[in-house]
Structure formats: structure tokens, C-alpha cells
Amino acid sequence: MVKKIALEEHFLDPATEPYWRPTMVDVAPAKTAQLYASLTDFGEQRLQMMDKAGIARAVLAIAGPGVQTERDTATAVRAARASNDFLAKELQKRPDRYSGFAHLAMQDAKAAADELERCVRELKFCGAMINGHTNGKYLDDRSYDPFWERAAALDAPIYLHPADPVAPLPAIAGYLRRRLPPFPESQAATRTSWRDAAVPAMALRQPLGALWLEFAKTAVAISQGERLGNDLGYVRSPAGALLARCTGARPRHVLRRLSF
């Protein structure tokens, strides 16, 4: 079996667990307990699953929205640092099998940049995983420029992960619920359908908004972007070319930046 490196292997720690719990409200308690046991295990259970799947190394990242849903900035910054310190201790136990993505409080761009630098330089993390928005603010907001500048200077990969929508989508939820059996995971299916579209849209929004023109050296990876190949056709189209002219981005440059 070919040995693999698995990205975005989720875990839970005491600092981020309170943000994960609300995402489980539609999941059966027994299933939630099972997931919690797996997410908090860094020993034989996780390692055996990795061996069975032929995974030589797992890049660990928090489960759930984490501190990006926190309304108090100071609390978010403290919790993110605590989460990263927790992960660093687990990585030290099995440096041959585990690497880590930093968790960042994007409520404060400078604090996030400082924490990214600490995690990369001191804790030896391999980058950071960031959810699509922080309380409705997306990553191409100009207030994040100091963060992207630091990420580029550090040559630290930023892994984009989807987040649930800012507001509920009743039309989509109703459509799915009429066609899904009445089981607790129906809500999860609703989230998944939205995410299938959200991640490619987020990825395209950033280069077309000229973010990656300004920070072209930033290494970015995309989670759950299966339909991105279809969306690239839009960038090649006349409509995509028109949008690119309006934003200052070049379609060819966009395609190059999205060819991971």
C-alpha cells in the first residue's frame, strides 16, 4: 500500500470543545460520544486507524468552528493559543506520525499573524487551517492584509476550510429535508450541500478580488473543493474575463493560483 499524508485530521482539545458541541445538536447522543472519543484520542486508536488506511503522517487540525465563532476577541485569542499549546504537546509525543495546523483567532489580524509566526517558528507547525469566515467577515476583507502579509513572509501554507453559512438557508434546508429520511444527520447533509459550493466560491472570490495578486507568494490549499474544476470553467468564460477586468485579476493568473 502506498503510504499517504492525511491533511485536516481533526481533533478536539479543552479550549475548542465548547465551540464544537453546538454543532452536534442534530446528531444522536451515542454518535456524538463516539465522535468525541475519536477526536480526543492521540494514541493507539488513532494510530491503528492510520496504519489500516496506509497513512504515514497525519496533519492535525481542530474539529468544528473553533474560536472563529467567538464574539469576544480577547477570549478567542487566549483560546486559540491554548489550543495550539495543547496540540504542540501531543505532537511532541509522536513527531514521527503527527504534524499540526495552527488554530487562529481571526477576529484580530495582527494577533492571528503573531500566533501563526509563533506556531511556525516555535511550535514547528506546518501552517494554519482557517474557516471561511469569522462572524461573517471573509478572508479577503482588507482588515486581514497584515495577516496575509505575514503568512507570505513566513511561507506558511494556509489551508482554507468551509464554515457554515452566516445565516440559515431555509430554502435549501427545506428542499433537502423533503428528500432525506428523518434521521439526525439530515442537518449535516444540509451543511454539506452548502459547503460543496462554498469552498470553491471562497477560493475564486479571493483571486478575483485581487487578494492573491497582492500576496502572490502566499501558499494556499483548499479543503472540500471537489467542484472547483467545474467552477474554473466560469473563470475561462467571457463573463469570468469581464469580472476579472473589473477586479484587476487576470484569468490566467487565477487559474495558476488555483492549480494545487
Protein backbone atom coordinates (compact mmCIF):
# COMPACT_ATOMS: atom_id res chain seq x y z
CA MET A 1 0.00 0.00 0.00
CA VAL A 2 1.25 3.47 -0.91
CA LYS A 3 1.93 5.49 2.24
CA LYS A 4 -0.06 8.70 2.48
CA ILE A 5 -0.04 12.03 4.30
CA ALA A 6 -3.53 12.93 5.53
CA LEU A 7 -4.47 16.60 5.80
CA GLU A 8 -7.11 18.07 8.10
CA GLU A 9 -7.24 15.15 10.50
CA HIS A 10 -9.48 16.59 13.18
CA PHE A 11 -9.00 16.60 16.93
CA LEU A 12 -10.56 18.24 19.97
CA ASP A 13 -8.95 19.93 22.96
CA PRO A 14 -10.42 21.56 26.09
CA ALA A 15 -10.18 25.08 24.63
CA THR A 16 -12.12 24.38 21.42
CA GLU A 17 -14.55 21.70 22.60
CA PRO A 18 -17.18 24.28 23.72
CA TYR A 19 -17.35 25.58 20.14
CA TRP A 20 -17.72 22.06 18.73
CA ARG A 21 -20.57 20.96 20.98
CA PRO A 22 -23.26 23.17 19.39
CA THR A 23 -22.54 21.59 16.00
CA MET A 24 -23.65 18.23 17.40
CA VAL A 25 -27.20 19.24 18.41
CA ASP A 26 -28.73 17.32 15.50
CA VAL A 27 -26.55 14.24 15.98
CA ALA A 28 -27.64 11.29 18.11
CA PRO A 29 -26.00 11.36 21.58
CA ALA A 30 -24.41 7.94 21.09
CA LYS A 31 -22.83 9.09 17.83
CA THR A 32 -21.64 12.31 19.45
CA ALA A 33 -19.99 10.33 22.23
CA GLN A 34 -18.31 8.09 19.67
CA LEU A 35 -17.01 11.07 17.71
CA TYR A 36 -15.77 12.77 20.87
CA ALA A 37 -13.83 9.68 21.90
CA SER A 38 -12.16 9.51 18.48
CA LEU A 39 -11.39 13.23 18.28
CA THR A 40 -9.74 13.33 21.70
CA ASP A 41 -7.60 10.25 21.09
CA PHE A 42 -3.98 10.73 20.06
CA GLY A 43 -2.79 7.23 20.94
CA GLU A 44 -3.34 3.70 19.76
CA GLN A 45 -6.88 4.13 18.42
CA ARG A 46 -5.90 6.93 16.02
CA LEU A 47 -2.60 5.32 15.11
CA GLN A 48 -4.25 1.98 14.35
CA MET A 49 -6.76 3.69 12.07
CA MET A 50 -3.89 5.46 10.31
CA ASP A 51 -2.00 2.20 9.85
CA LYS A 52 -5.09 0.47 8.48
CA ALA A 53 -5.57 3.25 5.92
CA GLY A 54 -1.90 3.41 4.98
CA ILE A 55 -1.42 6.88 6.46
CA ALA A 56 2.17 7.52 7.42
CA ARG A 57 1.60 11.02 8.79
CA ALA A 58 -1.47 13.00 9.84
CA VAL A 59 -1.63 16.78 9.85
CA LEU A 60 -3.92 17.50 12.81
CA ALA A 61 -6.38 20.39 12.89
CA ILE A 62 -9.22 21.31 15.23
CA ALA A 63 -12.74 19.99 14.71
CA GLY A 64 -15.65 22.40 14.40
CA PRO A 65 -15.65 26.17 14.00
CA GLY A 66 -13.30 26.77 16.91
CA VAL A 67 -12.73 30.28 18.18
CA GLN A 68 -13.78 31.88 14.90
CA THR A 69 -17.35 31.93 16.23
CA GLU A 70 -16.30 33.64 19.47
CA ARG A 71 -17.66 37.18 19.81
CA ASP A 72 -15.10 38.35 22.38
CA THR A 73 -11.76 38.91 20.70
CA ALA A 74 -9.61 38.55 23.81
CA THR A 75 -11.28 35.24 24.66
CA ALA A 76 -10.73 33.99 21.12
CA VAL A 77 -7.04 34.90 21.18
CA ARG A 78 -6.49 33.14 24.52
CA ALA A 79 -8.39 30.01 23.49
CA ALA A 80 -6.55 29.72 20.16
CA ARG A 81 -3.19 29.95 21.92
CA ALA A 82 -4.26 27.33 24.46
CA SER A 83 -5.41 25.02 21.67
CA ASN A 84 -2.09 25.36 19.87
CA ASP A 85 -0.11 24.71 23.04
CA PHE A 86 -2.21 21.60 23.67
CA LEU A 87 -1.59 20.30 20.15
CA ALA A 88 2.14 21.02 20.38
CA LYS A 89 2.42 18.75 23.42
CA GLU A 90 0.66 15.93 21.56
CA LEU A 91 2.92 16.37 18.54
CA GLN A 92 5.98 16.07 20.74
CA LYS A 93 4.84 12.60 21.80
CA ARG A 94 4.73 11.27 18.22
CA PRO A 95 6.73 13.57 15.96
CA ASP A 96 7.18 10.68 13.55
CA ARG A 97 3.43 10.41 12.89
CA TYR A 98 1.81 13.79 13.62
CA SER A 99 2.16 17.34 12.30
CA GLY A 100 -0.12 20.27 13.06
CA PHE A 101 -2.09 23.14 11.59
CA ALA A 102 -2.31 26.20 13.83
CA HIS A 103 -5.69 27.46 15.03
CA LEU A 104 -6.01 31.24 14.78
CA ALA A 105 -8.31 33.90 16.21
CA MET A 106 -9.05 35.83 13.01
CA GLN A 107 -11.01 38.43 14.98
CA ASP A 108 -7.65 40.24 15.35
CA ALA A 109 -5.49 40.12 12.23
CA LYS A 110 -2.26 41.13 13.96
CA ALA A 111 -2.79 38.70 16.83
CA ALA A 112 -3.51 35.95 14.29
CA ALA A 113 -0.33 36.82 12.40
CA ASP A 114 1.71 36.77 15.61
CA GLU A 115 0.25 33.42 16.63
CA LEU A 116 0.89 31.98 13.17
CA GLU A 117 4.53 33.05 13.46
CA ARG A 118 4.82 31.55 16.95
CA CYS A 119 3.29 28.28 15.79
CA VAL A 120 5.52 28.01 12.73
CA ARG A 121 8.78 29.15 14.31
CA GLU A 122 8.50 27.87 17.88
CA LEU A 123 5.97 25.04 17.80
CA LYS A 124 7.10 23.81 14.35
CA PHE A 125 3.59 23.63 12.89
CA CYS A 126 3.40 23.32 9.13
CA GLY A 127 0.87 26.12 8.57
CA ALA A 128 -2.66 27.00 9.67
CA MET A 129 -6.21 25.95 8.92
CA ILE A 130 -8.76 28.77 8.73
CA ASN A 131 -12.53 28.50 8.30
CA GLY A 132 -14.13 30.53 5.55
CA HIS A 133 -15.39 33.44 7.63
CA THR A 134 -15.18 34.80 11.15
CA ASN A 135 -18.58 36.00 12.33
CA GLY A 136 -19.43 36.94 8.76
CA LYS A 137 -16.10 38.54 7.80
CA TYR A 138 -14.44 36.73 4.91
CA LEU A 139 -10.73 36.32 4.36
CA ASP A 140 -10.49 38.88 1.55
CA ASP A 141 -11.55 41.68 3.90
CA ARG A 142 -8.88 44.38 3.78
CA SER A 143 -8.52 44.28 7.56
CA TYR A 144 -6.79 40.92 7.08
CA ASP A 145 -3.99 42.35 4.94
CA PRO A 146 -1.46 42.27 7.84
CA PHE A 147 -2.19 38.59 8.32
CA TRP A 148 -1.72 37.68 4.65
CA GLU A 149 1.47 39.74 4.53
CA ARG A 150 2.90 37.78 7.46
CA ALA A 151 1.79 34.43 6.06
CA ALA A 152 3.58 35.22 2.82
CA ALA A 153 6.72 36.33 4.66
CA LEU A 154 6.72 33.10 6.68
CA ASP A 155 5.97 30.99 3.60
CA ALA A 156 3.38 29.29 5.79
CA PRO A 157 0.66 27.33 3.96
CA ILE A 158 -2.90 28.45 4.76
CA TYR A 159 -5.48 25.71 4.47
CA LEU A 160 -8.97 27.04 3.72
CA HIS A 161 -11.80 25.12 5.36
CA PRO A 162 -15.54 25.75 4.91
CA ALA A 163 -17.70 27.31 7.59
CA ASP A 164 -21.44 27.12 7.99
CA PRO A 165 -23.36 29.98 6.34
CA VAL A 166 -23.67 33.29 8.12
CA ALA A 167 -27.47 32.98 8.03
CA PRO A 168 -29.67 29.86 7.74
CA LEU A 169 -30.68 28.80 4.26
CA PRO A 170 -34.32 27.69 4.75
CA ALA A 171 -34.96 27.05 1.06
CA ILE A 172 -32.08 24.60 0.76
CA ALA A 173 -32.80 23.05 4.16
CA GLY A 174 -36.44 22.50 3.21
CA TYR A 175 -35.52 21.04 -0.16
CA LEU A 176 -33.16 18.54 1.41
CA ARG A 177 -35.41 17.61 4.30
CA ARG A 178 -38.26 16.76 1.91
CA ARG A 179 -35.97 14.28 0.18
CA LEU A 180 -33.99 12.86 3.07
CA PRO A 181 -35.20 10.26 5.54
CA PRO A 182 -35.98 11.66 9.01
CA PHE A 183 -32.69 10.89 10.76
CA PRO A 184 -30.50 13.17 12.91
CA GLU A 185 -27.81 13.51 10.24
CA SER A 186 -30.19 15.36 7.87
CA GLN A 187 -28.87 18.69 9.12
CA ALA A 188 -25.34 17.54 8.41
CA ALA A 189 -26.37 16.81 4.83
CA THR A 190 -27.78 20.33 4.58
CA ARG A 191 -24.46 21.80 5.68
CA THR A 192 -22.55 19.55 3.28
CA SER A 193 -24.51 20.65 0.22
CA TRP A 194 -23.83 24.29 1.05
CA ARG A 195 -20.16 23.62 1.65
CA ASP A 196 -19.77 21.90 -1.72
CA ALA A 197 -20.47 25.27 -3.29
CA ALA A 198 -18.98 27.50 -0.61
CA VAL A 199 -15.37 26.40 -0.71
CA PRO A 200 -14.84 26.84 -4.47
CA ALA A 201 -16.72 30.15 -4.32
CA MET A 202 -14.46 31.31 -1.49
CA ALA A 203 -11.39 30.19 -3.41
CA LEU A 204 -12.47 32.02 -6.57
CA ARG A 205 -13.60 35.12 -4.69
CA GLN A 206 -10.14 35.75 -3.29
CA PRO A 207 -8.07 35.81 -6.51
CA LEU A 208 -10.77 37.60 -8.47
CA GLY A 209 -10.85 40.18 -5.69
CA ALA A 210 -7.11 40.71 -6.31
CA LEU A 211 -6.11 39.33 -2.89
CA TRP A 212 -3.71 36.84 -4.40
CA LEU A 213 -2.33 39.45 -6.75
CA GLU A 214 -1.11 41.44 -3.77
CA PHE A 215 0.02 38.41 -1.75
CA ALA A 216 1.02 36.17 -4.63
CA LYS A 217 3.65 34.30 -2.61
CA THR A 218 1.13 33.01 -0.08
CA ALA A 219 0.71 29.22 -0.24
CA VAL A 220 -2.99 28.33 -0.08
CA ALA A 221 -4.67 24.92 -0.06
CA ILE A 222 -8.39 24.22 -0.32
CA SER A 223 -10.48 21.78 1.68
CA GLN A 224 -13.53 20.10 0.16
CA GLY A 225 -13.17 21.86 -3.17
CA GLU A 226 -14.34 18.95 -5.31
CA ARG A 227 -16.39 21.11 -7.66
CA LEU A 228 -13.63 23.63 -8.20
CA GLY A 229 -12.79 22.10 -11.57
CA ASN A 230 -16.27 22.94 -12.81
CA ASP A 231 -16.10 26.47 -11.46
CA LEU A 232 -12.80 27.11 -13.23
CA GLY A 233 -14.76 26.96 -16.46
CA TYR A 234 -16.53 30.13 -15.37
CA VAL A 235 -13.20 31.88 -14.93
CA ARG A 236 -12.30 30.96 -18.51
CA SER A 237 -15.64 32.19 -19.83
CA PRO A 238 -16.36 35.70 -21.21
CA ALA A 239 -18.27 36.52 -18.02
CA GLY A 240 -15.29 35.49 -15.93
CA ALA A 241 -12.98 37.56 -18.09
CA LEU A 242 -15.23 40.60 -17.64
CA LEU A 243 -15.28 40.13 -13.87
CA ALA A 244 -11.52 39.75 -13.86
CA ARG A 245 -11.10 43.04 -15.74
CA CYS A 246 -13.34 44.78 -13.22
CA THR A 247 -11.32 43.47 -10.27
CA GLY A 248 -7.85 43.74 -11.80
CA ALA A 249 -7.17 39.98 -11.73
CA ARG A 250 -6.12 38.06 -14.84
CA PRO A 251 -7.95 34.77 -15.55
CA ARG A 252 -4.71 33.03 -16.41
CA HIS A 253 -3.21 34.17 -13.12
CA VAL A 254 -6.31 32.97 -11.27
CA LEU A 255 -6.09 29.54 -12.87
CA ARG A 256 -2.42 29.25 -11.99
CA ARG A 257 -3.07 30.13 -8.36
CA LEU A 258 -5.86 27.56 -8.14
CA SER A 259 -3.91 24.67 -9.64
CA PHE A 260 -2.92 22.95 -6.41
